Amino acid sequence: MKFTLFLTLLSVYFPYNIAMRIDKFLNAVNITKRRSIAQDMLANKVVCINDVVVKASKNVALGDTIKINYLESVKKYEVLQLPTTKSTPKSLQSEYIKELS
């Protein structure tokens, strides 16, 4: 309850997005081509935020670490910024995420 009130007050003073669903984030920053692919990856439990397996409804915040366990490799990303639009150009991907591995 207190945290929800804090987020509400924070959004009044800072009009930028402070959280975004992980499935929407993966699609918006071009990690996945479609949101349905991101939802499928989350349903198969291959996406972690801060080393915790998450569902599609989990929110991403600034500074979070996203880990995706592909069949042959693991990719890690740090969230630098949350997009304010539905999609972003691939050329601006480095403004939103930093690939760690």
Protein backbone atom coordinates (compact mmCIF):
# COMPACT_ATOMS: atom_id res chain seq x y z
CA MET A 1 0.00 0.00 0.00
CA LYS A 2 2.74 2.47 0.97
CA PHE A 3 4.79 1.58 -2.10
CA THR A 4 1.82 2.17 -4.41
CA LEU A 5 1.25 5.57 -2.84
CA PHE A 6 4.95 6.35 -3.27
CA LEU A 7 4.82 5.43 -6.98
CA THR A 8 1.72 7.56 -7.46
CA LEU A 9 3.34 10.58 -5.82
CA LEU A 10 6.55 10.00 -7.75
CA SER A 11 4.69 9.91 -11.05
CA VAL A 12 3.10 13.28 -10.24
CA TYR A 13 6.45 14.96 -9.67
CA PHE A 14 8.29 13.05 -12.41
CA PRO A 15 6.05 12.53 -15.43
CA TYR A 16 8.35 9.91 -16.97
CA ASN A 17 7.58 6.22 -16.86
CA ILE A 18 9.09 4.68 -13.76
CA ALA A 19 8.04 1.11 -14.53
CA MET A 20 7.05 -0.95 -17.56
CA ARG A 21 5.90 -4.55 -17.99
CA ILE A 22 8.78 -6.84 -18.95
CA ASP A 23 7.02 -8.24 -22.03
CA LYS A 24 6.31 -4.75 -23.31
CA PHE A 25 9.88 -3.60 -22.51
CA LEU A 26 11.52 -6.50 -24.39
CA ASN A 27 9.49 -5.62 -27.47
CA ALA A 28 9.87 -1.83 -27.17
CA VAL A 29 13.69 -1.94 -27.03
CA ASN A 30 13.94 -4.51 -29.85
CA ILE A 31 15.21 -7.47 -27.86
CA THR A 32 12.28 -9.43 -29.32
CA LYS A 33 10.54 -8.78 -32.62
CA ARG A 34 7.01 -9.16 -31.26
CA ARG A 35 5.43 -8.91 -27.83
CA SER A 36 3.94 -12.39 -28.25
CA ILE A 37 7.48 -13.80 -28.55
CA ALA A 38 8.42 -12.05 -25.30
CA GLN A 39 5.31 -13.48 -23.62
CA ASP A 40 6.20 -16.96 -24.86
CA MET A 41 9.74 -16.63 -23.49
CA LEU A 42 8.33 -15.52 -20.14
CA ALA A 43 5.84 -18.41 -20.10
CA ASN A 44 8.74 -20.84 -20.65
CA LYS A 45 10.65 -19.26 -17.73
CA VAL A 46 13.77 -18.22 -19.64
CA VAL A 47 13.68 -14.54 -18.58
CA CYS A 48 14.98 -13.34 -15.20
CA ILE A 49 15.05 -9.91 -13.62
CA ASN A 50 17.78 -9.55 -10.99
CA ASP A 51 18.26 -13.37 -11.08
CA VAL A 52 14.58 -14.12 -10.36
CA VAL A 53 12.39 -15.87 -12.96
CA VAL A 54 9.47 -13.56 -13.71
CA LYS A 55 6.05 -13.53 -15.34
CA ALA A 56 4.93 -11.21 -18.14
CA SER A 57 3.24 -8.84 -15.71
CA LYS A 58 6.45 -8.08 -13.76
CA ASN A 59 7.55 -4.46 -14.01
CA VAL A 60 11.04 -3.42 -15.08
CA ALA A 61 12.67 -0.43 -13.39
CA LEU A 62 15.83 1.55 -14.02
CA GLY A 63 18.97 -0.32 -13.02
CA ASP A 64 17.41 -3.79 -13.24
CA THR A 65 19.41 -6.61 -14.80
CA ILE A 66 17.57 -8.75 -17.34
CA LYS A 67 18.93 -12.22 -18.10
CA ILE A 68 17.65 -14.32 -21.01
CA ASN A 69 18.61 -18.00 -21.13
CA TYR A 70 18.69 -18.98 -24.81
CA LEU A 71 19.30 -22.61 -25.82
CA GLU A 72 23.02 -22.14 -26.47
CA SER A 73 23.86 -18.90 -24.67
CA VAL A 74 22.87 -16.44 -21.97
CA LYS A 75 22.41 -12.72 -22.57
CA LYS A 76 22.38 -10.10 -19.82
CA TYR A 77 21.17 -6.53 -20.15
CA GLU A 78 21.09 -3.57 -17.79
CA VAL A 79 18.10 -1.23 -18.01
CA LEU A 80 19.35 2.33 -18.56
CA GLN A 81 16.10 4.06 -19.48
CA LEU A 82 12.45 3.19 -20.04
CA PRO A 83 10.97 4.05 -23.44
CA THR A 84 8.03 6.43 -23.56
CA THR A 85 6.77 5.13 -26.90
CA LYS A 86 5.47 1.75 -28.05
CA SER A 87 8.59 1.04 -30.09
CA THR A 88 12.02 2.55 -30.53
CA PRO A 89 14.39 2.50 -33.49
CA LYS A 90 17.04 -0.21 -33.37
CA SER A 91 19.70 2.51 -33.71
CA LEU A 92 18.64 3.96 -30.32
CA GLN A 93 18.71 0.63 -28.47
CA SER A 94 21.93 1.57 -26.63
CA GLU A 95 20.12 4.45 -24.92
CA TYR A 96 17.72 2.04 -23.22
CA ILE A 97 19.80 -1.07 -22.47
CA LYS A 98 23.44 -1.98 -22.05
CA GLU A 99 24.45 -5.52 -22.99
CA LEU A 100 26.50 -7.05 -20.18
CA SER A 101 27.26 -10.41 -21.80
